[in-house]
Amino acid sequence: MLLLGSVMHMKLSRIDIFWGCLLIVVGIGFFGDSLQLWNFEFFFRGWWTLFIIVPSLCSMVEDGVKRSNLIGFSIGGLLLLSSWNILSAELVVPILLMIMGVVLIVVRSSEKEDE
């Protein structure tokens, strides 16, 4: 009981809340799959892009939106859309270049306004 009380008084970081919610959602998915309420598959087409998307998203939650995590998130998102055949593979590089250009302009201008 003492351990539970000390845990209740700890301040949770946003990243802990994010990972906790993610684990709950995945647990619910597997639980419903076990009861045959729905079909839950953890490995879907393009699942490997989560190795780019999740760390970028966690960095955004913890440190705020920055140029590097926004570009990483964009790369992962575009590759995921391409693997799902929502976006043509030939369009990934041009769209990525445009996103990087916009990010450079927006981030640079917002940094100058803060000074």
N, C-alpha and C. Protein backbone atom coordinates (compact mmCIF):
# COMPACT_ATOMS: atom_id res chain seq x y z
N MET A 1 0.82 -1.20 0.00
CA MET A 1 0.00 0.00 0.00
C MET A 1 0.86 1.25 0.00
N LEU A 2 2.00 1.17 0.68
CA LEU A 2 2.90 2.31 0.73
C LEU A 2 3.43 2.64 -0.66
N LEU A 3 3.75 1.61 -1.44
CA LEU A 3 4.24 1.82 -2.79
C LEU A 3 3.19 2.49 -3.65
N LEU A 4 1.95 2.06 -3.55
CA LEU A 4 0.86 2.65 -4.32
C LEU A 4 0.68 4.11 -3.95
N GLY A 5 0.78 4.43 -2.67
CA GLY A 5 0.64 5.82 -2.22
C GLY A 5 1.74 6.70 -2.76
N SER A 6 2.98 6.18 -2.80
CA SER A 6 4.09 6.99 -3.32
C SER A 6 3.98 7.16 -4.83
N VAL A 7 3.44 6.17 -5.51
CA VAL A 7 3.24 6.28 -6.95
C VAL A 7 2.16 7.32 -7.25
N MET A 8 1.14 7.38 -6.43
CA MET A 8 0.04 8.32 -6.66
C MET A 8 0.49 9.77 -6.50
N HIS A 9 1.55 10.02 -5.72
CA HIS A 9 2.02 11.38 -5.50
C HIS A 9 3.10 11.80 -6.48
N MET A 10 3.55 10.88 -7.34
CA MET A 10 4.56 11.22 -8.34
C MET A 10 3.91 12.00 -9.47
N LYS A 11 4.66 12.94 -10.00
CA LYS A 11 4.17 13.68 -11.15
C LYS A 11 4.53 12.91 -12.42
N LEU A 12 3.53 12.60 -13.22
CA LEU A 12 3.76 11.87 -14.45
C LEU A 12 4.17 12.83 -15.56
N SER A 13 5.14 12.41 -16.34
CA SER A 13 5.52 13.22 -17.49
C SER A 13 4.58 12.90 -18.65
N ARG A 14 4.58 13.77 -19.62
CA ARG A 14 3.71 13.55 -20.78
C ARG A 14 4.11 12.29 -21.53
N ILE A 15 5.40 11.97 -21.55
CA ILE A 15 5.85 10.78 -22.26
C ILE A 15 5.38 9.52 -21.55
N ASP A 16 5.35 9.54 -20.20
CA ASP A 16 4.82 8.39 -19.45
C ASP A 16 3.34 8.19 -19.74
N ILE A 17 2.60 9.28 -19.80
CA ILE A 17 1.18 9.21 -20.12
C ILE A 17 0.97 8.66 -21.53
N PHE A 18 1.79 9.13 -22.49
CA PHE A 18 1.69 8.66 -23.87
C PHE A 18 1.93 7.16 -23.94
N TRP A 19 3.05 6.67 -23.35
CA TRP A 19 3.36 5.24 -23.41
C TRP A 19 2.32 4.42 -22.65
N GLY A 20 1.83 4.94 -21.53
CA GLY A 20 0.79 4.24 -20.79
C GLY A 20 -0.47 4.06 -21.60
N CYS A 21 -0.90 5.13 -22.27
CA CYS A 21 -2.10 5.06 -23.12
C CYS A 21 -1.89 4.12 -24.29
N LEU A 22 -0.70 4.16 -24.88
CA LEU A 22 -0.40 3.27 -26.00
C LEU A 22 -0.47 1.81 -25.57
N LEU A 23 0.12 1.50 -24.43
CA LEU A 23 0.07 0.12 -23.94
C LEU A 23 -1.35 -0.32 -23.62
N ILE A 24 -2.16 0.57 -23.07
CA ILE A 24 -3.56 0.24 -22.79
C ILE A 24 -4.31 -0.06 -24.07
N VAL A 25 -4.11 0.76 -25.10
CA VAL A 25 -4.80 0.56 -26.38
C VAL A 25 -4.38 -0.76 -27.02
N VAL A 26 -3.08 -1.06 -27.01
CA VAL A 26 -2.60 -2.32 -27.58
C VAL A 26 -3.15 -3.50 -26.77
N GLY A 27 -3.17 -3.36 -25.45
CA GLY A 27 -3.73 -4.42 -24.61
C GLY A 27 -5.20 -4.67 -24.90
N ILE A 28 -5.96 -3.59 -25.07
CA ILE A 28 -7.38 -3.73 -25.42
C ILE A 28 -7.53 -4.41 -26.77
N GLY A 29 -6.65 -4.05 -27.71
CA GLY A 29 -6.69 -4.68 -29.03
C GLY A 29 -6.48 -6.18 -28.96
N PHE A 30 -5.44 -6.60 -28.23
CA PHE A 30 -5.18 -8.04 -28.07
C PHE A 30 -6.28 -8.73 -27.28
N PHE A 31 -6.83 -8.05 -26.27
CA PHE A 31 -7.91 -8.62 -25.47
C PHE A 31 -9.14 -8.89 -26.33
N GLY A 32 -9.53 -7.91 -27.13
CA GLY A 32 -10.68 -8.09 -28.02
C GLY A 32 -10.44 -9.15 -29.07
N ASP A 33 -9.18 -9.26 -29.52
CA ASP A 33 -8.84 -10.29 -30.49
C ASP A 33 -8.94 -11.68 -29.85
N SER A 34 -8.50 -11.78 -28.60
CA SER A 34 -8.58 -13.07 -27.88
C SER A 34 -10.03 -13.50 -27.68
N LEU A 35 -10.92 -12.55 -27.44
CA LEU A 35 -12.34 -12.86 -27.27
C LEU A 35 -13.09 -12.94 -28.60
N GLN A 36 -12.36 -12.78 -29.68
CA GLN A 36 -12.89 -12.80 -31.05
C GLN A 36 -13.97 -11.75 -31.27
N LEU A 37 -13.77 -10.58 -30.62
CA LEU A 37 -14.68 -9.46 -30.84
C LEU A 37 -14.31 -8.70 -32.11
N TRP A 38 -13.02 -8.69 -32.42
CA TRP A 38 -12.52 -8.03 -33.63
C TRP A 38 -11.18 -8.67 -34.00
N ASN A 39 -10.70 -8.32 -35.16
CA ASN A 39 -9.41 -8.82 -35.63
C ASN A 39 -8.36 -7.75 -35.37
N PHE A 40 -7.43 -8.04 -34.49
CA PHE A 40 -6.37 -7.10 -34.15
C PHE A 40 -5.04 -7.71 -34.54
N GLU A 41 -4.33 -7.03 -35.42
CA GLU A 41 -3.01 -7.50 -35.83
C GLU A 41 -2.02 -6.39 -35.52
N PHE A 42 -1.00 -6.71 -34.75
CA PHE A 42 0.01 -5.72 -34.39
C PHE A 42 0.93 -5.43 -35.56
N PHE A 43 1.23 -6.46 -36.35
CA PHE A 43 2.10 -6.28 -37.51
C PHE A 43 1.24 -6.09 -38.75
N PHE A 44 1.17 -4.87 -39.20
CA PHE A 44 0.41 -4.52 -40.38
C PHE A 44 1.37 -4.07 -41.46
N ARG A 45 0.86 -3.87 -42.66
CA ARG A 45 1.69 -3.44 -43.76
C ARG A 45 2.29 -2.08 -43.42
N GLY A 46 3.60 -2.00 -43.42
CA GLY A 46 4.29 -0.76 -43.11
C GLY A 46 4.55 -0.55 -41.63
N TRP A 47 4.41 -1.60 -40.82
CA TRP A 47 4.58 -1.48 -39.37
C TRP A 47 5.95 -0.96 -38.99
N TRP A 48 6.95 -1.25 -39.81
CA TRP A 48 8.32 -0.83 -39.52
C TRP A 48 8.47 0.69 -39.50
N THR A 49 7.56 1.42 -40.13
CA THR A 49 7.65 2.88 -40.12
C THR A 49 7.39 3.45 -38.72
N LEU A 50 6.80 2.64 -37.85
CA LEU A 50 6.58 3.09 -36.48
C LEU A 50 7.90 3.33 -35.74
N PHE A 51 9.00 2.70 -36.22
CA PHE A 51 10.31 2.94 -35.63
C PHE A 51 10.80 4.36 -35.94
N ILE A 52 10.19 5.02 -36.89
CA ILE A 52 10.50 6.42 -37.21
C ILE A 52 9.44 7.33 -36.60
N ILE A 53 8.17 6.94 -36.73
CA ILE A 53 7.06 7.79 -36.31
C ILE A 53 6.99 7.93 -34.78
N VAL A 54 7.04 6.82 -34.06
CA VAL A 54 6.85 6.86 -32.60
C VAL A 54 7.93 7.67 -31.89
N PRO A 55 9.23 7.45 -32.17
CA PRO A 55 10.23 8.29 -31.50
C PRO A 55 10.09 9.78 -31.83
N SER A 56 9.73 10.08 -33.08
CA SER A 56 9.53 11.48 -33.46
C SER A 56 8.34 12.07 -32.71
N LEU A 57 7.26 11.31 -32.60
CA LEU A 57 6.08 11.77 -31.89
C LEU A 57 6.38 11.94 -30.40
N CYS A 58 7.11 11.01 -29.82
CA CYS A 58 7.50 11.12 -28.41
C CYS A 58 8.35 12.36 -28.18
N SER A 59 9.26 12.63 -29.09
CA SER A 59 10.09 13.82 -28.98
C SER A 59 9.26 15.09 -29.07
N MET A 60 8.24 15.08 -29.92
CA MET A 60 7.35 16.24 -30.02
C MET A 60 6.59 16.46 -28.72
N VAL A 61 6.13 15.36 -28.12
CA VAL A 61 5.37 15.45 -26.87
C VAL A 61 6.27 15.95 -25.74
N GLU A 62 7.47 15.42 -25.66
CA GLU A 62 8.36 15.72 -24.55
C GLU A 62 9.07 17.07 -24.70
N ASP A 63 9.58 17.36 -25.88
CA ASP A 63 10.41 18.55 -26.08
C ASP A 63 9.75 19.65 -26.91
N GLY A 64 8.57 19.40 -27.41
CA GLY A 64 7.92 20.36 -28.29
C GLY A 64 8.28 20.07 -29.75
N VAL A 65 7.56 20.70 -30.65
CA VAL A 65 7.78 20.48 -32.07
C VAL A 65 9.05 21.22 -32.50
N LYS A 66 9.98 20.45 -33.03
CA LYS A 66 11.23 20.99 -33.54
C LYS A 66 11.44 20.50 -34.95
N ARG A 67 12.37 21.11 -35.62
CA ARG A 67 12.63 20.79 -37.02
C ARG A 67 12.93 19.31 -37.20
N SER A 68 13.81 18.74 -36.39
CA SER A 68 14.24 17.35 -36.58
C SER A 68 13.11 16.36 -36.34
N ASN A 69 12.32 16.57 -35.26
CA ASN A 69 11.26 15.59 -35.01
C ASN A 69 10.10 15.74 -36.00
N LEU A 70 9.89 16.94 -36.51
CA LEU A 70 8.84 17.12 -37.52
C LEU A 70 9.23 16.48 -38.85
N ILE A 71 10.49 16.59 -39.21
CA ILE A 71 10.96 15.95 -40.44
C ILE A 71 10.93 14.43 -40.29
N GLY A 72 11.36 13.92 -39.14
CA GLY A 72 11.30 12.47 -38.91
C GLY A 72 9.88 11.95 -38.95
N PHE A 73 8.95 12.67 -38.32
CA PHE A 73 7.55 12.29 -38.33
C PHE A 73 7.00 12.31 -39.77
N SER A 74 7.39 13.31 -40.55
CA SER A 74 6.93 13.41 -41.94
C SER A 74 7.46 12.26 -42.78
N ILE A 75 8.74 11.93 -42.60
CA ILE A 75 9.32 10.80 -43.35
C ILE A 75 8.58 9.51 -43.02
N GLY A 76 8.39 9.24 -41.74
CA GLY A 76 7.68 8.03 -41.33
C GLY A 76 6.26 7.99 -41.84
N GLY A 77 5.56 9.12 -41.73
CA GLY A 77 4.18 9.19 -42.21
C GLY A 77 4.06 8.97 -43.71
N LEU A 78 4.97 9.59 -44.47
CA LEU A 78 4.93 9.41 -45.92
C LEU A 78 5.26 7.97 -46.32
N LEU A 79 6.23 7.38 -45.65
CA LEU A 79 6.55 5.97 -45.95
C LEU A 79 5.40 5.04 -45.57
N LEU A 80 4.70 5.35 -44.47
CA LEU A 80 3.54 4.54 -44.07
C LEU A 80 2.43 4.67 -45.11
N LEU A 81 2.14 5.88 -45.54
CA LEU A 81 1.11 6.09 -46.57
C LEU A 81 1.48 5.39 -47.87
N SER A 82 2.76 5.40 -48.20
CA SER A 82 3.22 4.73 -49.42
C SER A 82 3.07 3.21 -49.28
N SER A 83 3.37 2.66 -48.12
CA SER A 83 3.25 1.21 -47.93
C SER A 83 1.80 0.76 -47.95
N TRP A 84 0.87 1.66 -47.59
CA TRP A 84 -0.55 1.34 -47.65
C TRP A 84 -1.16 1.64 -49.03
N ASN A 85 -0.34 2.04 -49.97
CA ASN A 85 -0.75 2.39 -51.34
C ASN A 85 -1.73 3.56 -51.38
N ILE A 86 -1.66 4.44 -50.38
CA ILE A 86 -2.46 5.65 -50.37
C ILE A 86 -1.73 6.74 -51.14
N LEU A 87 -0.42 6.67 -51.11
CA LEU A 87 0.44 7.66 -51.76
C LEU A 87 1.40 6.91 -52.67
N SER A 88 1.52 7.38 -53.89
CA SER A 88 2.44 6.75 -54.83
C SER A 88 3.88 6.90 -54.35
N ALA A 89 4.68 5.86 -54.51
CA ALA A 89 6.07 5.88 -54.06
C ALA A 89 6.87 6.98 -54.76
N GLU A 90 6.49 7.30 -55.99
CA GLU A 90 7.20 8.36 -56.74
C GLU A 90 6.95 9.74 -56.15
N LEU A 91 5.89 9.90 -55.38
CA LEU A 91 5.56 11.20 -54.81
C LEU A 91 6.19 11.44 -53.44
N VAL A 92 6.74 10.40 -52.82
CA VAL A 92 7.27 10.53 -51.46
C VAL A 92 8.41 11.54 -51.41
N VAL A 93 9.39 11.41 -52.30
CA VAL A 93 10.55 12.31 -52.26
C VAL A 93 10.17 13.75 -52.55
N PRO A 94 9.39 14.06 -53.60
CA PRO A 94 9.02 15.47 -53.81
C PRO A 94 8.22 16.07 -52.66
N ILE A 95 7.29 15.30 -52.09
CA ILE A 95 6.50 15.82 -50.97
C ILE A 95 7.40 16.03 -49.76
N LEU A 96 8.32 15.11 -49.53
CA LEU A 96 9.25 15.25 -48.42
C LEU A 96 10.11 16.51 -48.58
N LEU A 97 10.59 16.77 -49.77
CA LEU A 97 11.39 17.97 -50.02
C LEU A 97 10.58 19.23 -49.75
N MET A 98 9.32 19.24 -50.16
CA MET A 98 8.47 20.41 -49.91
C MET A 98 8.22 20.59 -48.41
N ILE A 99 7.96 19.50 -47.70
CA ILE A 99 7.75 19.59 -46.25
C ILE A 99 9.00 20.12 -45.57
N MET A 100 10.17 19.62 -45.97
CA MET A 100 11.41 20.08 -45.36
C MET A 100 11.62 21.57 -45.62
N GLY A 101 11.29 22.03 -46.82
CA GLY A 101 11.41 23.45 -47.13
C GLY A 101 10.49 24.30 -46.27
N VAL A 102 9.25 23.87 -46.11
CA VAL A 102 8.30 24.60 -45.27
C VAL A 102 8.76 24.61 -43.82
N VAL A 103 9.23 23.46 -43.34
CA VAL A 103 9.70 23.37 -41.96
C VAL A 103 10.88 24.33 -41.73
N LEU A 104 11.80 24.36 -42.67
CA LEU A 104 12.94 25.27 -42.54
C LEU A 104 12.50 26.72 -42.46
N ILE A 105 11.58 27.10 -43.30
CA ILE A 105 11.10 28.49 -43.32
C ILE A 105 10.32 28.82 -42.05
N VAL A 106 9.40 27.95 -41.66
CA VAL A 106 8.55 28.22 -40.50
C VAL A 106 9.36 28.19 -39.21
N VAL A 107 10.23 27.22 -39.05
CA VAL A 107 11.00 27.10 -37.82
C VAL A 107 11.98 28.27 -37.71
N ARG A 108 12.63 28.64 -38.79
CA ARG A 108 13.58 29.76 -38.78
C ARG A 108 12.87 31.06 -38.45
N SER A 109 11.69 31.29 -39.04
CA SER A 109 10.98 32.54 -38.79
C SER A 109 10.43 32.60 -37.36
N SER A 110 9.99 31.45 -36.81
CA SER A 110 9.48 31.46 -35.44
C SER A 110 10.62 31.63 -34.44
N GLU A 111 11.82 31.12 -34.75
CA GLU A 111 12.97 31.31 -33.88
C GLU A 111 13.39 32.78 -33.83
N LYS A 112 13.32 33.46 -34.96
CA LYS A 112 13.70 34.87 -35.02
C LYS A 112 12.70 35.74 -34.28
N GLU A 113 11.40 35.36 -34.31
CA GLU A 113 10.38 36.12 -33.60
C GLU A 113 10.54 36.00 -32.09
N ASP A 114 11.07 34.84 -31.63
CA ASP A 114 11.26 34.62 -30.19
C ASP A 114 12.42 35.43 -29.63
N GLU A 115 13.36 35.83 -30.47
CA GLU A 115 14.54 36.57 -29.98
C GLU A 115 14.23 37.98 -29.61
